[in-house]
Amino acid sequence: MFIIRLQELLNETNTTKSQIALKTNIPLQTICNWFERGSLPTADKVIKLADYFEVSTDYLLGRSNDVGIVEIKKELSHDQQELLALYNQMTFQDKNQLLGFAKALVY
């Protein structure tokens, strides 16, 4: 069931095995072995894949049909931490101005 779910997620997200290998630091050969030999991943790799696809490990392993609500906790970069610290020191009005400025830069 694991390979079926993984292939479905690859198709749904238009992702390649190589992209997963790069994003999760799982060797491409390991991923290929799962498909070619039917071998199963170790627990740490299941967690990495579940985090990458934002699904539960139970869903990925076929123990549940519910994708589940997955909250991924990613560490902030140094720049993000600095921006957040500065933002937290701002007044409400300054925060609104900054938000408007940031939206203008992105859009």
C-alpha atoms as a PDB file:
ATOM      1  CA  MET A   1       0.000   0.000   0.000  1.00  0.00           C
ATOM      2  CA  PHE A   2       2.913   2.369   0.716  1.00  0.00           C
ATOM      3  CA  ILE A   3       4.092   2.378  -2.915  1.00  0.00           C
ATOM      4  CA  ILE A   4       0.549   2.923  -4.193  1.00  0.00           C
ATOM      5  CA  ARG A   5       0.090   5.915  -1.901  1.00  0.00           C
ATOM      6  CA  LEU A   6       3.498   7.329  -2.725  1.00  0.00           C
ATOM      7  CA  GLN A   7       2.846   7.003  -6.465  1.00  0.00           C
ATOM      8  CA  GLU A   8      -0.555   8.688  -6.044  1.00  0.00           C
ATOM      9  CA  LEU A   9       1.062  11.579  -4.183  1.00  0.00           C
ATOM     10  CA  LEU A  10       3.747  11.888  -6.849  1.00  0.00           C
ATOM     11  CA  ASN A  11       1.079  12.053  -9.540  1.00  0.00           C
ATOM     12  CA  GLU A  12      -1.187  14.455  -7.649  1.00  0.00           C
ATOM     13  CA  THR A  13       1.633  16.883  -6.937  1.00  0.00           C
ATOM     14  CA  ASN A  14       3.384  16.408 -10.279  1.00  0.00           C
ATOM     15  CA  THR A  15       6.574  15.588  -8.384  1.00  0.00           C
ATOM     16  CA  THR A  16       9.425  13.351  -9.506  1.00  0.00           C
ATOM     17  CA  LYS A  17      11.412  10.892  -7.442  1.00  0.00           C
ATOM     18  CA  SER A  18      14.464  13.084  -7.990  1.00  0.00           C
ATOM     19  CA  GLN A  19      12.673  16.119  -6.570  1.00  0.00           C
ATOM     20  CA  ILE A  20      11.664  14.167  -3.478  1.00  0.00           C
ATOM     21  CA  ALA A  21      15.233  12.983  -3.024  1.00  0.00           C
ATOM     22  CA  LEU A  22      16.515  16.566  -3.146  1.00  0.00           C
ATOM     23  CA  LYS A  23      13.858  18.023  -0.854  1.00  0.00           C
ATOM     24  CA  THR A  24      13.932  15.257   1.776  1.00  0.00           C
ATOM     25  CA  ASN A  25      17.611  14.256   1.669  1.00  0.00           C
ATOM     26  CA  ILE A  26      16.571  10.678   0.995  1.00  0.00           C
ATOM     27  CA  PRO A  27      18.937   9.095  -1.547  1.00  0.00           C
ATOM     28  CA  LEU A  28      17.338   8.656  -4.964  1.00  0.00           C
ATOM     29  CA  GLN A  29      18.542   5.048  -5.053  1.00  0.00           C
ATOM     30  CA  THR A  30      16.648   4.361  -1.825  1.00  0.00           C
ATOM     31  CA  ILE A  31      13.445   5.757  -3.308  1.00  0.00           C
ATOM     32  CA  CYS A  32      13.958   3.741  -6.495  1.00  0.00           C
ATOM     33  CA  ASN A  33      14.480   0.595  -4.400  1.00  0.00           C
ATOM     34  CA  TRP A  34      11.075   1.084  -2.795  1.00  0.00           C
ATOM     35  CA  PHE A  35       9.483   1.047  -6.234  1.00  0.00           C
ATOM     36  CA  GLU A  36      11.639  -1.634  -7.868  1.00  0.00           C
ATOM     37  CA  ARG A  37      12.103  -4.063  -4.983  1.00  0.00           C
ATOM     38  CA  GLY A  38       9.041  -3.331  -2.912  1.00  0.00           C
ATOM     39  CA  SER A  39      11.176  -2.570   0.113  1.00  0.00           C
ATOM     40  CA  LEU A  40       9.704  -0.411   2.845  1.00  0.00           C
ATOM     41  CA  PRO A  41      11.183   2.800   4.221  1.00  0.00           C
ATOM     42  CA  THR A  42      12.455   3.212   7.737  1.00  0.00           C
ATOM     43  CA  ALA A  43      10.346   5.240  10.151  1.00  0.00           C
ATOM     44  CA  ASP A  44      12.471   8.366   9.789  1.00  0.00           C
ATOM     45  CA  LYS A  45      12.008   8.316   6.016  1.00  0.00           C
ATOM     46  CA  VAL A  46       8.249   7.800   6.325  1.00  0.00           C
ATOM     47  CA  ILE A  47       8.117  10.895   8.525  1.00  0.00           C
ATOM     48  CA  LYS A  48      10.167  12.921   6.027  1.00  0.00           C
ATOM     49  CA  LEU A  49       7.844  11.886   3.193  1.00  0.00           C
ATOM     50  CA  ALA A  50       4.713  12.584   5.235  1.00  0.00           C
ATOM     51  CA  ASP A  51       6.054  16.033   6.121  1.00  0.00           C
ATOM     52  CA  TYR A  52       6.974  16.732   2.496  1.00  0.00           C
ATOM     53  CA  PHE A  53       3.526  15.782   1.172  1.00  0.00           C
ATOM     54  CA  GLU A  54       1.753  17.155   4.257  1.00  0.00           C
ATOM     55  CA  VAL A  55      -0.106  13.930   4.940  1.00  0.00           C
ATOM     56  CA  SER A  56      -0.208  11.694   7.987  1.00  0.00           C
ATOM     57  CA  THR A  57       2.165   8.763   8.267  1.00  0.00           C
ATOM     58  CA  ASP A  58      -0.861   6.496   8.685  1.00  0.00           C
ATOM     59  CA  TYR A  59      -2.211   7.680   5.344  1.00  0.00           C
ATOM     60  CA  LEU A  60       1.130   7.153   3.645  1.00  0.00           C
ATOM     61  CA  LEU A  61       1.419   3.634   5.053  1.00  0.00           C
ATOM     62  CA  GLY A  62      -2.154   2.731   4.125  1.00  0.00           C
ATOM     63  CA  ARG A  63      -3.369   2.464   7.710  1.00  0.00           C
ATOM     64  CA  SER A  64      -5.949   5.199   7.112  1.00  0.00           C
ATOM     65  CA  ASN A  65      -7.764   6.728   4.177  1.00  0.00           C
ATOM     66  CA  ASP A  66      -7.882  10.046   6.006  1.00  0.00           C
ATOM     67  CA  VAL A  67      -5.060  12.297   4.853  1.00  0.00           C
ATOM     68  CA  GLY A  68      -5.174  13.904   8.279  1.00  0.00           C
ATOM     69  CA  ILE A  69      -4.374  17.393   9.376  1.00  0.00           C
ATOM     70  CA  VAL A  70      -0.641  17.722   9.497  1.00  0.00           C
ATOM     71  CA  GLU A  71       1.084  20.633  11.113  1.00  0.00           C
ATOM     72  CA  ILE A  72       4.671  20.884  10.025  1.00  0.00           C
ATOM     73  CA  LYS A  73       7.001  22.704  12.326  1.00  0.00           C
ATOM     74  CA  LYS A  74       9.847  24.192  10.370  1.00  0.00           C
ATOM     75  CA  GLU A  75      12.607  26.178  11.930  1.00  0.00           C
ATOM     76  CA  LEU A  76      12.858  29.799  10.944  1.00  0.00           C
ATOM     77  CA  SER A  77      15.973  31.017   9.184  1.00  0.00           C
ATOM     78  CA  HIS A  78      18.100  33.684  10.841  1.00  0.00           C
ATOM     79  CA  ASP A  79      16.584  36.365   8.578  1.00  0.00           C
ATOM     80  CA  GLN A  80      13.059  35.204   9.391  1.00  0.00           C
ATOM     81  CA  GLN A  81      13.795  35.273  13.112  1.00  0.00           C
ATOM     82  CA  GLU A  82      15.205  38.783  12.827  1.00  0.00           C
ATOM     83  CA  LEU A  83      12.190  40.016  10.865  1.00  0.00           C
ATOM     84  CA  LEU A  84       9.813  38.464  13.361  1.00  0.00           C
ATOM     85  CA  ALA A  85      11.657  40.027  16.297  1.00  0.00           C
ATOM     86  CA  LEU A  86      11.476  43.455  14.652  1.00  0.00           C
ATOM     87  CA  TYR A  87       7.816  42.968  13.758  1.00  0.00           C
ATOM     88  CA  ASN A  88       6.983  42.076  17.352  1.00  0.00           C
ATOM     89  CA  GLN A  89       8.475  45.391  18.508  1.00  0.00           C
ATOM     90  CA  MET A  90       6.299  47.477  16.151  1.00  0.00           C
ATOM     91  CA  THR A  91       3.124  49.323  16.930  1.00  0.00           C
ATOM     92  CA  PHE A  92      -0.155  48.113  15.475  1.00  0.00           C
ATOM     93  CA  GLN A  93      -0.087  50.930  12.905  1.00  0.00           C
ATOM     94  CA  ASP A  94       3.495  50.129  11.865  1.00  0.00           C
ATOM     95  CA  LYS A  95       2.612  46.460  11.491  1.00  0.00           C
ATOM     96  CA  ASN A  96      -0.255  47.364   9.145  1.00  0.00           C
ATOM     97  CA  GLN A  97       2.005  49.618   7.075  1.00  0.00           C
ATOM     98  CA  LEU A  98       4.647  46.911   6.851  1.00  0.00           C
ATOM     99  CA  LEU A  99       2.066  44.354   5.801  1.00  0.00           C
ATOM    100  CA  GLY A 100       0.820  46.659   3.053  1.00  0.00           C
ATOM    101  CA  PHE A 101       4.365  47.301   1.892  1.00  0.00           C
ATOM    102  CA  ALA A 102       5.201  43.596   1.845  1.00  0.00           C
ATOM    103  CA  LYS A 103       2.066  42.814  -0.183  1.00  0.00           C
ATOM    104  CA  ALA A 104       2.975  45.543  -2.660  1.00  0.00           C
ATOM    105  CA  LEU A 105       6.421  44.021  -3.105  1.00  0.00           C
ATOM    106  CA  VAL A 106       5.071  40.516  -3.690  1.00  0.00           C
ATOM    107  CA  TYR A 107       2.127  41.379  -5.929  1.00  0.00           C
END
